[in-house]
């Protein structure tokens, strides 16, 4: 089975890369400490492709710090 998620621990950096394929950008969902976050409010997706992934970039005031669990 293909990997369809990436786990990170918050470290104060706004950008988290992902490299799994998806059908469309809106398929990408982000959770911090098991709470679903909202695109454009909590984060944006940059450098997105359907085959290569992209970057989750958290917006100011929403950047997870340690020990936050990011998925």
N, C-alpha and C. Protein backbone atom coordinates (compact mmCIF):
# COMPACT_ATOMS: atom_id res chain seq x y z
N UNK A 1 0.84 -1.18 0.00
CA UNK A 1 0.00 0.00 0.00
C UNK A 1 0.88 1.24 0.00
N UNK A 2 0.51 2.24 -0.75
CA UNK A 2 1.27 3.48 -0.85
C UNK A 2 1.10 4.33 0.40
N UNK A 3 2.15 5.05 0.75
CA UNK A 3 2.08 5.97 1.88
C UNK A 3 1.22 7.16 1.50
N UNK A 4 0.25 7.47 2.33
CA UNK A 4 -0.65 8.59 2.03
C UNK A 4 -0.66 9.63 3.13
N UNK A 5 0.35 9.57 4.01
CA UNK A 5 0.48 10.59 5.03
C UNK A 5 1.93 10.70 5.46
N UNK A 6 2.24 11.81 6.12
CA UNK A 6 3.57 12.02 6.69
C UNK A 6 3.35 12.53 8.11
N UNK A 7 4.09 12.00 9.06
CA UNK A 7 4.03 12.47 10.44
C UNK A 7 5.24 13.33 10.74
N UNK A 8 5.00 14.45 11.40
CA UNK A 8 6.06 15.33 11.87
C UNK A 8 5.78 15.70 13.31
N UNK A 9 6.81 16.15 14.00
CA UNK A 9 6.66 16.77 15.31
C UNK A 9 6.95 18.24 15.12
N UNK A 10 6.08 19.08 15.66
CA UNK A 10 6.26 20.52 15.52
C UNK A 10 7.64 20.95 16.00
N UNK A 11 8.25 21.86 15.25
CA UNK A 11 9.59 22.33 15.60
C UNK A 11 9.74 23.84 15.38
N UNK A 12 8.62 24.52 15.15
CA UNK A 12 8.67 25.96 14.93
C UNK A 12 8.93 26.37 13.50
N UNK A 13 9.19 25.39 12.61
CA UNK A 13 9.38 25.71 11.20
C UNK A 13 8.04 25.65 10.49
N UNK A 14 7.78 26.63 9.64
CA UNK A 14 6.48 26.76 9.00
C UNK A 14 6.24 25.76 7.87
N UNK A 15 7.29 25.26 7.24
CA UNK A 15 7.14 24.43 6.04
C UNK A 15 7.41 22.96 6.32
N UNK A 16 6.48 22.12 5.87
CA UNK A 16 6.61 20.67 5.98
C UNK A 16 6.35 20.08 4.60
N UNK A 17 7.28 19.29 4.09
CA UNK A 17 7.18 18.70 2.75
C UNK A 17 6.42 17.38 2.80
N UNK A 18 5.74 17.07 1.70
CA UNK A 18 5.14 15.75 1.53
C UNK A 18 5.38 15.32 0.10
N UNK A 19 5.53 14.00 -0.12
CA UNK A 19 5.89 13.53 -1.45
C UNK A 19 4.97 12.44 -1.99
N UNK A 20 3.84 12.22 -1.34
CA UNK A 20 2.93 11.19 -1.84
C UNK A 20 1.99 11.78 -2.90
N UNK A 21 1.55 10.96 -3.84
CA UNK A 21 0.64 11.43 -4.89
C UNK A 21 -0.78 11.61 -4.37
N UNK A 22 -1.55 12.45 -5.04
CA UNK A 22 -2.96 12.66 -4.72
C UNK A 22 -3.69 13.08 -5.99
N UNK A 23 -4.99 13.00 -5.97
CA UNK A 23 -5.76 13.34 -7.16
C UNK A 23 -5.87 14.85 -7.37
N UNK A 24 -6.01 15.59 -6.27
CA UNK A 24 -6.11 17.05 -6.37
C UNK A 24 -5.66 17.68 -5.07
N UNK A 25 -5.30 18.94 -5.12
CA UNK A 25 -4.79 19.64 -3.95
C UNK A 25 -5.76 19.59 -2.77
N UNK A 26 -7.05 19.66 -3.05
CA UNK A 26 -8.04 19.66 -1.97
C UNK A 26 -8.11 18.32 -1.22
N UNK A 27 -7.46 17.28 -1.75
CA UNK A 27 -7.40 16.00 -1.05
C UNK A 27 -6.42 16.04 0.13
N UNK A 28 -5.55 17.02 0.16
CA UNK A 28 -4.55 17.12 1.23
C UNK A 28 -5.20 17.72 2.47
N UNK A 29 -5.15 16.95 3.55
CA UNK A 29 -5.71 17.39 4.84
C UNK A 29 -4.58 17.44 5.86
N UNK A 30 -4.64 18.41 6.77
CA UNK A 30 -3.59 18.58 7.77
C UNK A 30 -4.24 18.56 9.15
N UNK A 31 -3.65 17.76 10.04
CA UNK A 31 -4.09 17.71 11.43
C UNK A 31 -2.91 18.08 12.32
N UNK A 32 -3.21 18.85 13.36
CA UNK A 32 -2.22 19.14 14.40
C UNK A 32 -2.85 18.69 15.72
N UNK A 33 -2.17 17.79 16.41
CA UNK A 33 -2.68 17.19 17.65
C UNK A 33 -4.10 16.65 17.45
N UNK A 34 -4.31 15.95 16.32
CA UNK A 34 -5.58 15.30 15.98
C UNK A 34 -6.73 16.27 15.72
N UNK A 35 -6.42 17.54 15.46
CA UNK A 35 -7.43 18.54 15.12
C UNK A 35 -7.24 18.92 13.66
N UNK A 36 -8.29 18.72 12.86
CA UNK A 36 -8.22 19.06 11.44
C UNK A 36 -8.09 20.57 11.27
N UNK A 37 -7.12 20.99 10.48
CA UNK A 37 -6.89 22.41 10.23
C UNK A 37 -7.49 22.82 8.89
N UNK A 38 -7.66 24.12 8.69
CA UNK A 38 -8.33 24.66 7.50
C UNK A 38 -7.32 25.31 6.57
N UNK A 39 -7.39 24.92 5.28
CA UNK A 39 -6.52 25.54 4.29
C UNK A 39 -6.86 27.02 4.16
N UNK A 40 -5.88 27.82 3.88
CA UNK A 40 -5.94 29.28 3.76
C UNK A 40 -6.05 29.98 5.10
N UNK A 41 -6.54 29.30 6.13
CA UNK A 41 -6.60 29.90 7.47
C UNK A 41 -5.39 29.46 8.29
N UNK A 42 -5.17 28.16 8.38
CA UNK A 42 -4.08 27.62 9.18
C UNK A 42 -2.84 27.29 8.35
N UNK A 43 -3.03 26.98 7.07
CA UNK A 43 -1.90 26.59 6.21
C UNK A 43 -2.26 26.81 4.75
N UNK A 44 -1.23 26.78 3.91
CA UNK A 44 -1.38 26.82 2.46
C UNK A 44 -0.54 25.69 1.88
N UNK A 45 -0.90 25.26 0.68
CA UNK A 45 -0.14 24.24 -0.03
C UNK A 45 0.63 24.96 -1.15
N UNK A 46 1.95 24.71 -1.22
CA UNK A 46 2.77 25.33 -2.27
C UNK A 46 3.50 24.23 -3.04
N UNK A 47 3.95 24.58 -4.22
CA UNK A 47 4.72 23.67 -5.09
C UNK A 47 4.03 22.33 -5.30
N UNK A 48 2.71 22.34 -5.38
CA UNK A 48 1.92 21.12 -5.46
C UNK A 48 1.92 20.50 -6.86
N UNK A 49 2.07 19.17 -6.91
CA UNK A 49 1.81 18.40 -8.12
C UNK A 49 1.06 17.14 -7.70
N UNK A 50 0.28 16.59 -8.60
CA UNK A 50 -0.49 15.39 -8.27
C UNK A 50 0.40 14.17 -8.08
N UNK A 51 1.57 14.17 -8.70
CA UNK A 51 2.45 13.01 -8.61
C UNK A 51 3.58 13.16 -7.60
N UNK A 52 3.94 14.38 -7.26
CA UNK A 52 5.12 14.57 -6.42
C UNK A 52 4.89 15.22 -5.08
N UNK A 53 3.64 15.57 -4.76
CA UNK A 53 3.38 16.19 -3.47
C UNK A 53 3.55 17.69 -3.50
N UNK A 54 4.19 18.22 -2.47
CA UNK A 54 4.37 19.66 -2.34
C UNK A 54 4.78 20.02 -0.93
N UNK A 55 4.40 21.21 -0.50
CA UNK A 55 4.72 21.70 0.83
C UNK A 55 3.48 22.21 1.53
N UNK A 56 3.38 21.91 2.81
CA UNK A 56 2.39 22.53 3.67
C UNK A 56 3.12 23.69 4.33
N UNK A 57 2.61 24.90 4.19
CA UNK A 57 3.21 26.07 4.81
C UNK A 57 2.20 26.65 5.79
N UNK A 58 2.50 26.54 7.07
CA UNK A 58 1.60 27.06 8.10
C UNK A 58 1.64 28.59 8.10
N UNK A 59 0.50 29.20 8.32
CA UNK A 59 0.39 30.66 8.34
C UNK A 59 0.87 31.21 9.69
N UNK A 60 1.17 32.50 9.71
CA UNK A 60 1.64 33.16 10.92
C UNK A 60 0.65 32.93 12.06
N UNK A 61 1.16 32.60 13.21
CA UNK A 61 0.32 32.33 14.38
C UNK A 61 -0.20 30.91 14.44
N UNK A 62 0.06 30.10 13.41
CA UNK A 62 -0.42 28.72 13.36
C UNK A 62 0.71 27.71 13.20
N UNK A 63 1.94 28.13 13.40
CA UNK A 63 3.08 27.25 13.21
C UNK A 63 3.23 26.36 14.44
N UNK A 64 3.13 25.03 14.27
CA UNK A 64 3.22 24.12 15.41
C UNK A 64 4.62 24.09 16.03
N UNK A 65 4.65 24.05 17.34
CA UNK A 65 5.90 23.91 18.07
C UNK A 65 5.92 22.57 18.79
N UNK A 66 7.07 22.20 19.30
CA UNK A 66 7.22 20.93 20.01
C UNK A 66 6.35 20.96 21.26
N UNK A 67 5.67 19.91 21.58
CA UNK A 67 5.68 18.57 21.01
C UNK A 67 4.47 18.27 20.12
N UNK A 68 3.94 19.26 19.44
CA UNK A 68 2.74 19.06 18.60
C UNK A 68 2.95 17.96 17.57
N UNK A 69 1.93 17.11 17.41
CA UNK A 69 1.96 16.05 16.41
C UNK A 69 1.27 16.55 15.14
N UNK A 70 1.98 16.49 14.02
CA UNK A 70 1.46 16.97 12.74
C UNK A 70 1.29 15.77 11.82
N UNK A 71 0.14 15.67 11.19
CA UNK A 71 -0.09 14.60 10.19
C UNK A 71 -0.76 15.25 9.01
